[in-house]
């Protein structure tokens, strides 16, 4: 993480968290373009927190749905 990734309260900027989700999209569904995103921030990430990222891809009708947690 870079110093610029943190706000004045030393929390990770939400845009930086979204970048991790975008990277996971490219990894799991290469060449696909998302049509929409729903993001639920369940808490803050602070400097020094350990973070693990996991994901699944499910089919809903004609859509592939990437879930990241």
C-alpha atoms as a PDB file:
ATOM      1  CA  UNK A   1       0.000   0.000   0.000  1.00  0.00           C
ATOM      2  CA  UNK A   2       1.094   3.534  -0.680  1.00  0.00           C
ATOM      3  CA  UNK A   3       0.758   6.487   1.664  1.00  0.00           C
ATOM      4  CA  UNK A   4      -1.762   8.009  -0.765  1.00  0.00           C
ATOM      5  CA  UNK A   5      -4.017   4.943  -0.309  1.00  0.00           C
ATOM      6  CA  UNK A   6      -4.957   6.146   3.193  1.00  0.00           C
ATOM      7  CA  UNK A   7      -7.262   8.968   4.281  1.00  0.00           C
ATOM      8  CA  UNK A   8      -6.642  11.418   7.135  1.00  0.00           C
ATOM      9  CA  UNK A   9      -8.015   8.876   9.659  1.00  0.00           C
ATOM     10  CA  UNK A  10      -5.496   6.271   8.408  1.00  0.00           C
ATOM     11  CA  UNK A  11      -8.217   4.155   6.758  1.00  0.00           C
ATOM     12  CA  UNK A  12      -7.792   2.650   3.298  1.00  0.00           C
ATOM     13  CA  UNK A  13      -9.552   4.794   0.708  1.00  0.00           C
ATOM     14  CA  UNK A  14     -12.635   2.947  -0.664  1.00  0.00           C
ATOM     15  CA  UNK A  15     -11.425   3.483  -4.231  1.00  0.00           C
ATOM     16  CA  UNK A  16      -8.327   1.423  -3.409  1.00  0.00           C
ATOM     17  CA  UNK A  17     -10.532  -1.416  -2.143  1.00  0.00           C
ATOM     18  CA  UNK A  18     -12.455  -1.331  -5.421  1.00  0.00           C
ATOM     19  CA  UNK A  19      -9.194  -1.684  -7.365  1.00  0.00           C
ATOM     20  CA  UNK A  20      -8.666  -5.079  -5.709  1.00  0.00           C
ATOM     21  CA  UNK A  21     -12.125  -6.151  -6.905  1.00  0.00           C
ATOM     22  CA  UNK A  22     -11.356  -4.922 -10.428  1.00  0.00           C
ATOM     23  CA  UNK A  23      -8.119  -6.952 -10.418  1.00  0.00           C
ATOM     24  CA  UNK A  24     -10.101 -10.029  -9.363  1.00  0.00           C
ATOM     25  CA  UNK A  25     -12.571  -9.451 -12.223  1.00  0.00           C
ATOM     26  CA  UNK A  26      -9.726  -9.453 -14.741  1.00  0.00           C
ATOM     27  CA  UNK A  27      -8.280 -12.607 -13.177  1.00  0.00           C
ATOM     28  CA  UNK A  28     -11.568 -14.563 -13.020  1.00  0.00           C
ATOM     29  CA  UNK A  29     -13.355 -13.295 -16.127  1.00  0.00           C
ATOM     30  CA  UNK A  30     -10.695 -12.085 -18.567  1.00  0.00           C
ATOM     31  CA  UNK A  31     -11.967  -9.931 -21.402  1.00  0.00           C
ATOM     32  CA  UNK A  32     -15.325  -9.295 -19.729  1.00  0.00           C
ATOM     33  CA  UNK A  33     -16.706  -5.834 -18.994  1.00  0.00           C
ATOM     34  CA  UNK A  34     -18.881  -5.397 -15.899  1.00  0.00           C
ATOM     35  CA  UNK A  35     -22.403  -4.078 -16.444  1.00  0.00           C
ATOM     36  CA  UNK A  36     -22.977  -3.102 -12.818  1.00  0.00           C
ATOM     37  CA  UNK A  37     -21.430  -3.387  -9.371  1.00  0.00           C
ATOM     38  CA  UNK A  38     -22.883  -3.526  -5.888  1.00  0.00           C
ATOM     39  CA  UNK A  39     -20.431  -2.879  -3.088  1.00  0.00           C
ATOM     40  CA  UNK A  40     -21.102  -3.268   0.605  1.00  0.00           C
ATOM     41  CA  UNK A  41     -18.389  -1.824   2.806  1.00  0.00           C
ATOM     42  CA  UNK A  42     -18.737  -3.668   6.083  1.00  0.00           C
ATOM     43  CA  UNK A  43     -16.032  -1.863   7.978  1.00  0.00           C
ATOM     44  CA  UNK A  44     -12.866   0.115   7.656  1.00  0.00           C
ATOM     45  CA  UNK A  45      -9.467  -1.159   6.633  1.00  0.00           C
ATOM     46  CA  UNK A  46      -6.670   0.427   8.597  1.00  0.00           C
ATOM     47  CA  UNK A  47      -2.923   0.532   8.168  1.00  0.00           C
ATOM     48  CA  UNK A  48      -1.468  -2.793   9.274  1.00  0.00           C
ATOM     49  CA  UNK A  49      -4.705  -4.821   8.894  1.00  0.00           C
ATOM     50  CA  UNK A  50      -4.319  -8.222   7.295  1.00  0.00           C
ATOM     51  CA  UNK A  51      -6.599  -8.642   4.287  1.00  0.00           C
ATOM     52  CA  UNK A  52      -7.558 -11.816   2.448  1.00  0.00           C
ATOM     53  CA  UNK A  53      -9.489 -11.765  -0.812  1.00  0.00           C
ATOM     54  CA  UNK A  54     -11.636 -14.657  -2.050  1.00  0.00           C
ATOM     55  CA  UNK A  55     -14.079 -14.911  -4.936  1.00  0.00           C
ATOM     56  CA  UNK A  56     -16.540 -17.127  -6.773  1.00  0.00           C
ATOM     57  CA  UNK A  57     -18.108 -16.929 -10.209  1.00  0.00           C
ATOM     58  CA  UNK A  58     -21.737 -18.024 -10.500  1.00  0.00           C
ATOM     59  CA  UNK A  59     -24.144 -18.121 -13.413  1.00  0.00           C
ATOM     60  CA  UNK A  60     -27.449 -16.235 -13.066  1.00  0.00           C
ATOM     61  CA  UNK A  61     -29.476 -16.579 -16.246  1.00  0.00           C
ATOM     62  CA  UNK A  62     -27.295 -15.207 -19.038  1.00  0.00           C
ATOM     63  CA  UNK A  63     -24.974 -13.387 -16.620  1.00  0.00           C
ATOM     64  CA  UNK A  64     -21.770 -14.393 -14.898  1.00  0.00           C
ATOM     65  CA  UNK A  65     -21.729 -13.004 -11.360  1.00  0.00           C
ATOM     66  CA  UNK A  66     -18.424 -12.422  -9.597  1.00  0.00           C
ATOM     67  CA  UNK A  67     -18.723 -12.330  -5.811  1.00  0.00           C
ATOM     68  CA  UNK A  68     -15.681 -11.098  -3.910  1.00  0.00           C
ATOM     69  CA  UNK A  69     -15.290 -11.122  -0.169  1.00  0.00           C
END
